[in-house]
Protein backbone atom coordinates (compact mmCIF):
# COMPACT_ATOMS: atom_id res chain seq x y z
CA UNK A 1 -36.11 -27.88 -28.14
CA UNK A 2 -37.78 -24.52 -28.65
CA UNK A 3 -34.47 -22.75 -28.15
CA UNK A 4 -32.80 -25.03 -30.67
CA UNK A 5 -35.54 -24.35 -33.21
CA UNK A 6 -35.16 -20.62 -32.66
CA UNK A 7 -31.42 -20.79 -33.27
CA UNK A 8 -31.99 -22.93 -36.35
CA UNK A 9 -34.49 -20.43 -37.76
CA UNK A 10 -32.07 -17.60 -37.08
CA UNK A 11 -29.32 -19.43 -39.02
CA UNK A 12 -31.75 -19.93 -41.91
CA UNK A 13 -32.55 -16.23 -42.09
CA UNK A 14 -28.97 -15.08 -41.82
CA UNK A 15 -27.55 -17.49 -44.36
CA UNK A 16 -30.33 -16.84 -46.85
CA UNK A 17 -29.91 -13.10 -46.45
CA UNK A 18 -26.23 -13.28 -47.25
CA UNK A 19 -26.79 -15.49 -50.26
CA UNK A 20 -29.66 -13.42 -51.59
CA UNK A 21 -27.88 -10.13 -51.02
CA UNK A 22 -25.19 -11.11 -53.47
CA UNK A 23 -27.49 -12.24 -56.22
CA UNK A 24 -26.47 -15.88 -56.06
CA UNK A 25 -28.45 -18.41 -58.10
CA UNK A 26 -31.65 -19.47 -56.38
CA UNK A 27 -30.72 -23.14 -56.37
CA UNK A 28 -27.72 -22.36 -54.16
CA UNK A 29 -29.93 -21.47 -51.22
CA UNK A 30 -31.57 -24.25 -49.21
CA UNK A 31 -34.15 -21.90 -47.70
CA UNK A 32 -36.71 -19.49 -49.04
CA UNK A 33 -37.04 -16.95 -46.24
CA UNK A 34 -37.17 -13.28 -47.11
CA UNK A 35 -33.87 -11.56 -46.63
CA UNK A 36 -33.88 -9.08 -43.77
CA UNK A 37 -32.14 -5.73 -44.01
CA UNK A 38 -28.43 -6.23 -43.40
CA UNK A 39 -26.99 -4.42 -40.40
CA UNK A 40 -23.86 -2.27 -40.67
CA UNK A 41 -20.73 -4.08 -39.51
CA UNK A 42 -20.47 -1.55 -36.68
CA UNK A 43 -23.59 -3.04 -35.11
CA UNK A 44 -22.03 -6.50 -35.17
CA UNK A 45 -18.94 -4.94 -33.61
CA UNK A 46 -21.00 -3.18 -30.95
CA UNK A 47 -22.88 -6.36 -30.05
CA UNK A 48 -19.63 -8.29 -29.92
CA UNK A 49 -17.99 -5.59 -27.81
CA UNK A 50 -20.80 -5.82 -25.26
CA UNK A 51 -20.33 -9.58 -25.08
CA UNK A 52 -16.56 -9.36 -24.88
CA UNK A 53 -16.88 -6.71 -22.19
CA UNK A 54 -19.08 -9.09 -20.20
CA UNK A 55 -16.49 -11.83 -20.62
CA UNK A 56 -13.76 -9.39 -19.63
CA UNK A 57 -15.60 -8.35 -16.47
CA UNK A 58 -16.25 -12.00 -15.62
CA UNK A 59 -12.55 -12.79 -16.07
CA UNK A 60 -11.54 -9.92 -13.82
CA UNK A 61 -14.12 -11.01 -11.25
CA UNK A 62 -12.78 -14.58 -11.30
CA UNK A 63 -9.23 -13.42 -10.62
CA UNK A 64 -10.48 -11.13 -7.87
CA UNK A 65 -12.59 -13.84 -6.22
CA UNK A 66 -9.85 -16.46 -6.29
CA UNK A 67 -7.19 -14.01 -5.15
CA UNK A 68 -9.26 -12.70 -2.24
CA UNK A 69 -11.00 -15.92 -1.16
CA UNK A 70 -8.28 -18.51 -1.78
CA UNK A 71 -4.98 -16.62 -1.70
CA UNK A 72 -1.87 -16.02 -3.84
CA UNK A 73 -0.84 -19.69 -4.15
CA UNK A 74 -4.23 -20.84 -5.44
CA UNK A 75 -4.43 -17.79 -7.70
CA UNK A 76 -1.01 -18.68 -9.07
CA UNK A 77 -2.17 -22.23 -9.80
CA UNK A 78 -5.32 -20.96 -11.49
CA UNK A 79 -3.57 -18.36 -13.66
CA UNK A 80 -0.74 -20.73 -14.57
CA UNK A 81 -3.19 -23.48 -15.52
CA UNK A 82 -5.17 -21.04 -17.67
CA UNK A 83 -1.98 -19.76 -19.27
CA UNK A 84 -0.68 -23.28 -20.01
CA UNK A 85 -4.06 -24.30 -21.44
CA UNK A 86 -4.03 -21.25 -23.73
CA UNK A 87 -0.56 -22.25 -24.90
CA UNK A 88 -1.42 -25.89 -25.55
CA UNK A 89 -4.75 -25.13 -27.18
CA UNK A 90 -2.94 -22.93 -29.69
CA UNK A 91 -1.41 -26.11 -31.09
CA UNK A 92 -4.34 -28.43 -30.51
CA UNK A 93 -6.76 -26.20 -32.43
CA UNK A 94 -4.72 -26.73 -35.64
CA UNK A 95 -5.28 -23.10 -36.60
CA UNK A 96 -8.98 -23.84 -37.16
CA UNK A 97 -10.10 -20.99 -34.90
CA UNK A 98 -9.40 -18.69 -37.86
CA UNK A 99 -9.56 -21.18 -40.73
CA UNK A 100 -13.14 -22.30 -40.07
CA UNK A 101 -14.80 -18.83 -40.00
CA UNK A 102 -12.65 -17.70 -42.92
CA UNK A 103 -13.67 -20.53 -45.26
CA UNK A 104 -17.28 -20.46 -44.10
CA UNK A 105 -17.33 -16.74 -44.93
CA UNK A 106 -15.65 -17.27 -48.31
CA UNK A 107 -18.28 -19.88 -49.22
CA UNK A 108 -21.22 -17.68 -48.26
CA UNK A 109 -22.55 -17.69 -51.86
CA UNK A 110 -22.22 -21.46 -52.19
CA UNK A 111 -24.66 -24.17 -51.07
CA UNK A 112 -25.23 -24.30 -47.31
CA UNK A 113 -24.14 -27.93 -47.15
CA UNK A 114 -20.61 -26.84 -48.04
CA UNK A 115 -20.49 -24.53 -45.04
CA UNK A 116 -21.69 -27.33 -42.80
CA UNK A 117 -19.08 -29.62 -44.34
CA UNK A 118 -16.40 -27.21 -43.12
CA UNK A 119 -17.96 -27.29 -39.65
CA UNK A 120 -18.10 -31.09 -39.51
CA UNK A 121 -14.48 -31.41 -40.64
CA UNK A 122 -13.36 -28.93 -37.99
CA UNK A 123 -15.31 -30.63 -35.22
CA UNK A 124 -14.02 -34.12 -36.06
CA UNK A 125 -10.42 -32.96 -36.38
CA UNK A 126 -10.49 -31.05 -33.11
CA UNK A 127 -12.06 -33.86 -31.10
CA UNK A 128 -9.56 -36.37 -32.49
CA UNK A 129 -6.56 -34.19 -31.64
CA UNK A 130 -7.85 -33.40 -28.15
CA UNK A 131 -8.49 -37.08 -27.45
CA UNK A 132 -5.01 -38.11 -28.55
CA UNK A 133 -3.31 -35.24 -26.72
CA UNK A 134 -5.33 -35.89 -23.57
CA UNK A 135 -4.21 -39.51 -23.40
CA UNK A 136 -0.55 -38.49 -23.80
CA UNK A 137 -0.81 -35.78 -21.15
CA UNK A 138 -2.53 -38.04 -18.63
CA UNK A 139 -0.17 -40.98 -19.07
CA UNK A 140 2.82 -38.69 -18.57
CA UNK A 141 1.13 -36.45 -16.00
CA UNK A 142 3.98 -36.44 -13.46
CA UNK A 143 6.62 -35.52 -16.03
CA UNK A 144 4.39 -32.88 -17.63
CA UNK A 145 3.51 -31.42 -14.21
CA UNK A 146 7.19 -31.12 -13.33
CA UNK A 147 7.91 -29.39 -16.64
CA UNK A 148 4.86 -27.11 -16.92
CA UNK A 149 4.17 -26.33 -13.25
CA UNK A 150 7.61 -26.79 -11.71
CA UNK A 151 6.42 -29.52 -9.32
CA UNK A 152 5.43 -33.16 -9.92
CA UNK A 153 3.00 -32.92 -6.98
CA UNK A 154 0.82 -30.71 -9.18
CA UNK A 155 0.02 -33.71 -11.42
CA UNK A 156 -3.55 -33.39 -10.15
CA UNK A 157 -3.85 -30.39 -12.49
CA UNK A 158 -3.36 -32.50 -15.64
CA UNK A 159 -6.81 -34.14 -15.85
CA UNK A 160 -8.63 -30.80 -15.36
CA UNK A 161 -6.31 -29.35 -17.99
CA UNK A 162 -7.35 -32.07 -20.47
CA UNK A 163 -11.05 -31.48 -19.77
CA UNK A 164 -10.61 -27.75 -20.18
CA UNK A 165 -8.82 -28.28 -23.51
CA UNK A 166 -11.73 -30.44 -24.67
CA UNK A 167 -14.17 -27.67 -23.83
CA UNK A 168 -12.09 -25.10 -25.68
CA UNK A 169 -11.90 -27.30 -28.79
CA UNK A 170 -15.64 -27.96 -28.90
CA UNK A 171 -16.41 -24.29 -28.35
CA UNK A 172 -14.02 -23.29 -31.15
CA UNK A 173 -15.83 -25.40 -33.74
CA UNK A 174 -19.34 -24.21 -32.88
CA UNK A 175 -18.37 -20.58 -32.36
CA UNK A 176 -16.28 -20.56 -35.55
CA UNK A 177 -19.24 -21.64 -37.69
CA UNK A 178 -21.58 -18.95 -36.38
CA UNK A 179 -18.81 -16.39 -36.65
CA UNK A 180 -18.21 -17.38 -40.28
CA UNK A 181 -21.80 -16.71 -41.32
CA UNK A 182 -21.75 -13.51 -39.20
CA UNK A 183 -24.57 -14.86 -37.02
CA UNK A 184 -23.09 -12.80 -34.23
CA UNK A 185 -26.15 -13.14 -32.00
CA UNK A 186 -25.59 -16.90 -31.72
CA UNK A 187 -21.81 -16.51 -31.62
CA UNK A 188 -21.95 -13.97 -28.82
CA UNK A 189 -24.36 -16.12 -26.83
CA UNK A 190 -21.81 -18.94 -27.00
CA UNK A 191 -19.01 -16.64 -25.86
CA UNK A 192 -21.02 -15.29 -22.94
CA UNK A 193 -22.17 -18.70 -21.78
CA UNK A 194 -18.78 -20.38 -22.03
CA UNK A 195 -16.43 -17.67 -20.82
CA UNK A 196 -18.58 -15.56 -18.49
CA UNK A 197 -21.54 -17.47 -17.06
CA UNK A 198 -20.11 -20.97 -16.59
CA UNK A 199 -16.75 -20.01 -14.96
CA UNK A 200 -18.31 -17.51 -12.54
CA UNK A 201 -21.05 -19.93 -11.46
CA UNK A 202 -18.56 -22.77 -10.99
CA UNK A 203 -16.21 -20.65 -8.86
CA UNK A 204 -19.11 -19.24 -6.83
CA UNK A 205 -20.33 -22.76 -6.01
CA UNK A 206 -17.03 -24.61 -5.59
CA UNK A 207 -14.70 -22.06 -4.01
CA UNK A 208 -15.32 -23.49 -0.48
CA UNK A 209 -13.54 -26.67 -1.64
CA UNK A 210 -10.37 -24.58 -2.25
CA UNK A 211 -9.64 -26.99 -5.11
CA UNK A 212 -8.39 -25.40 -8.34
CA UNK A 213 -8.34 -28.81 -10.13
CA UNK A 214 -12.02 -29.34 -9.31
CA UNK A 215 -12.99 -25.83 -10.44
CA UNK A 216 -11.17 -26.12 -13.77
CA UNK A 217 -12.34 -29.70 -14.39
CA UNK A 218 -16.03 -28.92 -13.84
CA UNK A 219 -15.69 -25.82 -16.03
CA UNK A 220 -14.28 -27.96 -18.85
CA UNK A 221 -17.05 -30.56 -18.60
CA UNK A 222 -19.81 -27.95 -18.64
CA UNK A 223 -18.22 -26.22 -21.63
CA UNK A 224 -18.17 -29.49 -23.60
CA UNK A 225 -21.84 -30.16 -22.81
CA UNK A 226 -22.89 -26.60 -23.65
CA UNK A 227 -20.98 -26.66 -26.95
CA UNK A 228 -22.77 -29.82 -28.03
CA UNK A 229 -26.13 -28.23 -27.19
CA UNK A 230 -25.31 -25.16 -29.28
CA UNK A 231 -24.18 -27.48 -32.10
CA UNK A 232 -27.43 -29.48 -32.20
CA UNK A 233 -29.17 -27.27 -34.82
CA UNK A 234 -26.16 -27.66 -37.13
CA UNK A 235 -25.74 -31.39 -36.49
CA UNK A 236 -29.43 -32.06 -37.19
CA UNK A 237 -29.02 -30.48 -40.61
CA UNK A 238 -25.84 -32.44 -41.24
CA UNK A 239 -27.67 -35.69 -40.43
CA UNK A 240 -30.59 -34.80 -42.71
CA UNK A 241 -28.64 -34.02 -45.87
CA UNK A 242 -26.09 -35.61 -48.16
CA UNK A 243 -22.75 -33.97 -47.60
CA UNK A 244 -20.08 -33.67 -50.28
CA UNK A 245 -16.77 -35.51 -50.03
CA UNK A 246 -15.10 -34.09 -46.90
CA UNK A 247 -11.49 -34.66 -47.97
CA UNK A 248 -11.14 -31.49 -50.11
CA UNK A 249 -12.67 -29.40 -47.33
CA UNK A 250 -10.32 -30.90 -44.75
CA UNK A 251 -7.28 -30.40 -46.97
CA UNK A 252 -8.20 -26.79 -47.73
CA UNK A 253 -8.83 -25.78 -44.11
CA UNK A 254 -5.92 -27.69 -42.62
CA UNK A 255 -3.51 -26.25 -45.19
CA UNK A 256 -4.55 -22.78 -44.11
CA UNK A 257 -4.81 -23.56 -40.40
CA UNK A 258 -1.85 -25.84 -39.68
CA UNK A 259 0.56 -23.44 -41.34
CA UNK A 260 -0.51 -20.91 -38.69
CA UNK A 261 -0.12 -23.24 -35.70
CA UNK A 262 3.53 -22.31 -35.05
CA UNK A 263 2.53 -18.65 -34.93
CA UNK A 264 -0.44 -19.27 -32.61
CA UNK A 265 1.73 -21.52 -30.45
CA UNK A 266 4.47 -18.91 -30.31
CA UNK A 267 2.04 -16.08 -29.49
CA UNK A 268 0.61 -18.03 -26.56
CA UNK A 269 4.13 -19.01 -25.47
CA UNK A 270 5.07 -15.34 -25.08
CA UNK A 271 2.74 -15.27 -22.07
CA UNK A 272 3.51 -18.79 -20.82
CA UNK A 273 7.22 -19.58 -21.09
CA UNK A 274 8.28 -16.80 -18.70
CA UNK A 275 6.00 -17.88 -15.81
CA UNK A 276 6.84 -21.56 -16.41
CA UNK A 277 10.55 -20.75 -16.21
CA UNK A 278 9.97 -18.66 -13.10
CA UNK A 279 8.35 -21.61 -11.28
CA UNK A 280 11.72 -23.39 -11.43
CA UNK A 281 13.46 -20.51 -9.63
CA UNK A 282 10.82 -18.90 -7.39
CA UNK A 283 7.86 -20.01 -5.23
CA UNK A 284 4.37 -19.97 -6.70
CA UNK A 285 3.37 -16.99 -4.56
CA UNK A 286 5.96 -14.77 -6.26
CA UNK A 287 5.26 -16.21 -9.71
CA UNK A 288 1.62 -15.22 -9.21
CA UNK A 289 2.75 -11.56 -9.32
CA UNK A 290 4.17 -12.03 -12.82
CA UNK A 291 1.04 -13.91 -13.88
CA UNK A 292 -1.11 -11.09 -12.53
CA UNK A 293 0.90 -8.50 -14.45
CA UNK A 294 0.73 -10.41 -17.71
CA UNK A 295 -3.00 -10.90 -17.12
CA UNK A 296 -3.37 -7.12 -17.17
CA UNK A 297 -1.68 -7.08 -20.58
CA UNK A 298 -3.97 -9.86 -21.79
CA UNK A 299 -6.99 -7.95 -20.50
CA UNK A 300 -5.94 -4.92 -22.54
CA UNK A 301 -5.41 -7.10 -25.61
CA UNK A 302 -8.82 -8.64 -25.07
CA UNK A 303 -10.42 -5.30 -25.88
CA UNK A 304 -9.34 -5.88 -29.49
CA UNK A 305 -11.11 -9.24 -29.55
CA UNK A 306 -14.31 -7.93 -31.20
CA UNK A 307 -12.30 -6.52 -34.10
CA UNK A 308 -10.65 -9.86 -34.87
CA UNK A 309 -13.89 -11.74 -34.24
CA UNK A 310 -16.02 -9.78 -36.72
CA UNK A 311 -13.53 -8.39 -39.21
CA UNK A 312 -11.82 -11.61 -40.31
CA UNK A 313 -15.12 -12.81 -41.74
CA UNK A 314 -16.11 -9.33 -42.94
CA UNK A 315 -12.81 -8.64 -44.71
CA UNK A 316 -12.80 -12.15 -46.20
CA UNK A 317 -16.25 -11.51 -47.70
CA UNK A 318 -15.20 -8.08 -49.02
CA UNK A 319 -11.96 -9.37 -50.55
CA UNK A 320 -13.87 -12.28 -52.07
CA UNK A 321 -15.97 -9.64 -53.90
CA UNK A 322 -12.92 -7.58 -54.97
CA UNK A 323 -13.65 -4.68 -52.61
CA UNK A 324 -9.98 -3.99 -52.00
CA UNK A 325 -10.32 -0.20 -51.78
CA UNK A 326 -12.98 -0.46 -49.08
CA UNK A 327 -10.80 -2.84 -47.07
CA UNK A 328 -7.77 -0.55 -47.35
CA UNK A 329 -9.79 2.45 -46.20
CA UNK A 330 -11.20 0.55 -43.22
CA UNK A 331 -7.76 -0.69 -42.20
CA UNK A 332 -6.25 2.78 -42.50
CA UNK A 333 -8.80 4.14 -40.04
CA UNK A 334 -8.31 1.14 -37.77
CA UNK A 335 -4.57 1.70 -37.56
CA UNK A 336 -5.06 5.29 -36.43
CA UNK A 337 -7.76 4.33 -33.93
CA UNK A 338 -5.68 1.57 -32.34
CA UNK A 339 -2.62 3.79 -31.95
CA UNK A 340 -4.51 6.71 -30.43
CA UNK A 341 -6.71 4.68 -28.10
CA UNK A 342 -3.97 2.33 -26.90
CA UNK A 343 -1.60 5.14 -25.92
CA UNK A 344 -4.33 6.92 -23.96
CA UNK A 345 -5.29 3.68 -22.21
CA UNK A 346 -1.67 2.83 -21.38
CA UNK A 347 -0.98 6.22 -19.81
CA UNK A 348 -4.11 6.00 -17.67
CA UNK A 349 -3.21 2.49 -16.52
CA UNK A 350 0.35 3.48 -15.62
CA UNK A 351 -0.87 6.38 -13.47
CA UNK A 352 -3.57 4.37 -11.68
CA UNK A 353 -1.95 0.91 -11.53
CA UNK A 354 -1.77 0.75 -7.74
CA UNK A 355 -5.41 1.74 -7.29
CA UNK A 356 -6.53 -0.82 -9.88
CA UNK A 357 -4.48 -3.64 -8.33
CA UNK A 358 -5.81 -2.89 -4.82
CA UNK A 359 -9.36 -2.83 -6.14
CA UNK A 360 -8.88 -5.96 -8.23
CA UNK A 361 -7.15 -8.41 -5.90
CA UNK A 362 -6.42 -6.51 -2.70
CA UNK A 363 -3.42 -4.85 -1.02
CA UNK A 364 -1.67 -8.19 -0.44
CA UNK A 365 -0.64 -8.03 -4.11
CA UNK A 366 1.23 -4.73 -3.74
CA UNK A 367 4.51 -6.41 -4.90
CA UNK A 368 2.87 -6.92 -8.32
CA UNK A 369 2.43 -3.19 -8.97
CA UNK A 370 5.88 -2.64 -10.50
CA UNK A 371 5.47 -5.66 -12.76
CA UNK A 372 2.05 -4.48 -13.92
CA UNK A 373 3.41 -1.01 -14.75
CA UNK A 374 6.27 -2.53 -16.75
CA UNK A 375 3.94 -4.75 -18.75
CA UNK A 376 1.50 -1.91 -19.44
CA UNK A 377 4.24 -0.45 -21.65
CA UNK A 378 3.60 -3.34 -24.04
CA UNK A 379 -0.09 -2.52 -24.53
CA UNK A 380 0.21 -0.27 -27.66
CA UNK A 381 2.24 -2.71 -29.81
CA UNK A 382 0.30 -5.72 -28.54
CA UNK A 383 -3.05 -4.08 -29.29
CA UNK A 384 -1.76 -3.08 -32.72
CA UNK A 385 -1.07 -6.75 -33.49
CA UNK A 386 -4.30 -8.06 -31.95
CA UNK A 387 -6.55 -5.56 -33.73
CA UNK A 388 -4.97 -5.74 -37.18
CA UNK A 389 -3.98 -9.37 -37.56
CA UNK A 390 -7.39 -10.22 -39.06
CA UNK A 391 -6.62 -7.92 -42.00
CA UNK A 392 -3.46 -9.91 -42.72
CA UNK A 393 -5.12 -13.33 -42.40
CA UNK A 394 -8.01 -12.27 -44.63
CA UNK A 395 -5.71 -11.03 -47.40
CA UNK A 396 -3.48 -14.05 -47.90
CA UNK A 397 -3.29 -17.76 -47.15
CA UNK A 398 0.42 -17.31 -46.39
CA UNK A 399 0.93 -17.43 -42.60
CA UNK A 400 2.51 -13.99 -42.38
CA UNK A 401 1.26 -13.38 -38.84
CA UNK A 402 2.74 -16.71 -37.84
CA UNK A 403 6.09 -15.82 -39.39
CA UNK A 404 6.18 -12.55 -37.48
CA UNK A 405 5.28 -14.26 -34.21
CA UNK A 406 7.96 -16.92 -34.69
CA UNK A 407 10.62 -14.25 -35.20
CA UNK A 408 9.45 -12.54 -32.01
CA UNK A 409 9.33 -15.84 -30.11
CA UNK A 410 12.89 -16.66 -31.14
CA UNK A 411 13.99 -13.23 -29.92
CA UNK A 412 12.10 -13.74 -26.66
CA UNK A 413 13.71 -17.13 -26.04
CA UNK A 414 17.20 -15.75 -26.59
CA UNK A 415 16.79 -12.83 -24.19
CA UNK A 416 14.90 -14.99 -21.66
CA UNK A 417 17.69 -17.58 -21.53
CA UNK A 418 20.21 -14.79 -21.08
CA UNK A 419 18.15 -13.33 -18.23
CA UNK A 420 17.72 -16.67 -16.47
CA UNK A 421 21.46 -17.24 -16.53
CA UNK A 422 22.62 -13.77 -15.49
CA UNK A 423 19.99 -12.00 -13.37
CA UNK A 424 19.70 -12.56 -9.63
CA UNK A 425 16.45 -14.06 -8.36
CA UNK A 426 15.52 -10.80 -6.61
CA UNK A 427 15.25 -9.05 -10.00
CA UNK A 428 14.20 -12.04 -12.10
CA UNK A 429 10.50 -11.19 -12.42
CA UNK A 430 11.21 -7.59 -13.49
CA UNK A 431 13.72 -8.82 -16.06
CA UNK A 432 11.24 -11.34 -17.51
CA UNK A 433 8.65 -8.56 -17.75
CA UNK A 434 11.10 -6.37 -19.68
CA UNK A 435 11.76 -9.28 -22.05
CA UNK A 436 8.03 -9.43 -22.78
CA UNK A 437 7.84 -5.68 -23.37
CA UNK A 438 10.72 -5.79 -25.85
CA UNK A 439 9.17 -8.75 -27.64
CA UNK A 440 5.80 -7.01 -28.00
CA UNK A 441 7.50 -3.91 -29.39
CA UNK A 442 9.18 -6.06 -32.03
CA UNK A 443 5.85 -7.74 -32.83
CA UNK A 444 4.20 -4.37 -33.41
CA UNK A 445 6.97 -3.27 -35.78
CA UNK A 446 6.79 -6.50 -37.79
CA UNK A 447 3.00 -6.21 -38.06
CA UNK A 448 3.34 -2.66 -39.40
CA UNK A 449 5.91 -3.84 -41.95
CA UNK A 450 3.59 -6.63 -43.12
CA UNK A 451 0.74 -4.16 -43.60
CA UNK A 452 2.99 -1.94 -45.67
CA UNK A 453 3.80 -4.86 -47.97
CA UNK A 454 0.26 -6.25 -48.28
CA UNK A 455 -1.81 -3.08 -48.48
CA UNK A 456 0.75 -0.34 -49.12
CA UNK A 457 -0.38 1.26 -45.85
CA UNK A 458 1.96 3.03 -43.45
CA UNK A 459 1.38 3.91 -39.82
CA UNK A 460 -0.20 7.42 -39.94
CA UNK A 461 2.02 9.02 -37.30
CA UNK A 462 1.54 12.56 -38.61
CA UNK A 463 -2.26 12.22 -38.57
CA UNK A 464 -2.17 10.74 -35.06
CA UNK A 465 0.24 13.32 -33.61
CA UNK A 466 -2.39 15.81 -32.27
CA UNK A 467 -4.35 13.09 -30.45
CA UNK A 468 -1.15 11.52 -29.09
CA UNK A 469 -0.08 14.91 -27.74
CA UNK A 470 -3.44 15.34 -26.01
CA UNK A 471 -3.11 11.83 -24.51
CA UNK A 472 0.28 12.77 -23.07
CA UNK A 473 -1.16 15.99 -21.67
CA UNK A 474 -4.09 14.22 -20.03
CA UNK A 475 -1.79 11.54 -18.63
CA UNK A 476 0.45 14.24 -17.18
CA UNK A 477 -2.52 16.00 -15.59
CA UNK A 478 -3.69 12.74 -14.00
CA UNK A 479 -0.19 12.10 -12.68
CA UNK A 480 -0.13 15.62 -11.26
CA UNK A 481 -3.50 15.09 -9.63
CA UNK A 482 -2.31 11.91 -7.97
CA UNK A 483 0.86 13.64 -6.79
CA UNK A 484 -1.12 16.51 -5.26
CA UNK A 485 -3.59 14.21 -3.50
CA UNK A 486 -0.85 11.79 -2.41
CA UNK A 487 -1.80 8.63 -0.48
CA UNK A 488 -5.23 10.14 0.23
CA UNK A 489 -6.28 9.46 -3.38
CA UNK A 490 -8.78 6.66 -2.94
CA UNK A 491 -11.00 4.76 -5.35
CA UNK A 492 -13.54 7.58 -5.71
CA UNK A 493 -10.89 10.21 -6.44
CA UNK A 494 -9.09 7.97 -8.95
CA UNK A 495 -12.35 7.04 -10.67
CA UNK A 496 -13.29 10.70 -10.98
CA UNK A 497 -9.93 11.58 -12.54
CA UNK A 498 -10.21 8.68 -15.01
CA UNK A 499 -13.77 9.71 -15.93
CA UNK A 500 -12.84 13.36 -16.47
CA UNK A 501 -9.77 12.52 -18.56
CA UNK A 502 -11.81 10.08 -20.67
CA UNK A 503 -14.48 12.71 -21.31
CA UNK A 504 -11.79 15.23 -22.23
CA UNK A 505 -10.25 12.68 -24.61
CA UNK A 506 -13.56 12.06 -26.42
CA UNK A 507 -14.21 15.80 -26.66
CA UNK A 508 -10.75 16.23 -28.18
CA UNK A 509 -11.53 13.55 -30.78
CA UNK A 510 -14.66 15.46 -31.77
CA UNK A 511 -13.00 18.88 -31.80
CA UNK A 512 -10.13 17.57 -33.95
CA UNK A 513 -12.65 15.85 -36.26
CA UNK A 514 -10.68 12.64 -36.06
CA UNK A 515 -11.27 10.72 -39.33
CA UNK A 516 -11.61 7.26 -37.80
CA UNK A 517 -14.18 8.55 -35.31
CA UNK A 518 -16.29 10.00 -38.12
CA UNK A 519 -15.95 6.80 -40.17
CA UNK A 520 -17.12 4.63 -37.26
CA UNK A 521 -20.01 6.99 -36.44
CA UNK A 522 -21.29 7.15 -40.02
CA UNK A 523 -21.15 3.37 -40.40
CA UNK A 524 -23.03 2.83 -37.14
CA UNK A 525 -25.61 5.59 -37.71
CA UNK A 526 -26.05 6.04 -41.49
CA UNK A 527 -29.19 8.13 -40.98
CA UNK A 528 -27.36 10.56 -38.67
CA UNK A 529 -24.06 11.07 -40.44
CA UNK A 530 -21.71 13.80 -39.27
CA UNK A 531 -21.24 16.57 -41.82
CA UNK A 532 -17.51 17.03 -41.37
CA UNK A 533 -16.54 13.48 -42.32
CA UNK A 534 -16.15 12.62 -46.01
CA UNK A 535 -15.19 9.01 -46.77
């Protein structure tokens, strides 16, 4: 109860601060707390990055634990189940993962009850859709198992899948509300609890059972319970006040969200259709190599999660106050940062793929190294899309991201069908990986084109050229170091080379006075601004 009261008080302070900071009429605020000093958005980003890094480490640890303790077949089941759940949840969420925080953020100067009306609508819609979908999946579990997992005997995975989907839906509603009001402390606590603490604890306790269905099912149940506990402060307020008519709120959010479902569904399918198709041609042990490689790509894309998490709400607030020039300037710096950082990261991963795979899941996954290296090529365009999509969704209600993703998904399906009908099984996994790389490259190009139309912003290749050249040089030096050391290059040697190249990269950013670096520094530390950066 004390924890719930603390969260409730924190929501009061945050919401009142954001209303008061914009000079809204006093009667619009339900609370009378003094408004605290607002933090720079970089601090919200930093806090979110720490949380997302914890979730990322937990995810890597889960894959490592299951791969080492249970084996390739169980790891394949786990990764495929997670991948299928991510695909299905993209449709089940009705696009509310972005719609809810967006409309909560847009209504930040309106009465608090309107923001809670958006939350209640989202929660009711999500629970209804999950319940209906769960019944359909369970009744047809043998047919769905044959289609999604390549084997009707894996029907035991369907009930855990339904429970996991329920947990994801409940988490989306609660997290989306806190994200919308930029209460990132509460939002990040939810993320850490649901995606780091609960899964690791469940696997640590239940791995002796060697049952992936049990592990996933218990994780889903605990996520549902935890989401309801985090929602209690909001639900108590909902019960204590008279809410407006919910129909306009539902229509507004669903119009925005549902129009984006095909795009979300297609984006998740880019990582799911290939492995599902492979299960019909190859054993689960070999499919696990493709799943492991695509997981590396997802891990890289996950590093852009904090940007989408914070900036959709932030840009929505700024655009709602006609701060278009500030948004354009921020996005211009973001584009340069994503391009420069993603290329450096990709080159380092390509050079040290084998060492990372051995450390992550062990030498028994050596056949996955080639697939991982192929999929690392897709990191720059995929990160470009992941980091900048929030700028597109904040600017317009038109589902432009969804349109781009659907074009890419159609391209992916065409080339995938061609590969499945022409490539021998010995080369099938490599061919599917190349299909994904080509699709991600197309997605990056379409995202850049959309930015040019919406914001009149072009990819700053000329400005990025010096840093890109340094990234290539550092990557070449690391490759040379590995070649000189040969097979004797162990974890310590590889870690040292990565550390030295990363330090050299940061020093180069400072020496070149990279604009985006100065912009981020000055926003994070306004009292210690760098002299050479002028916004």
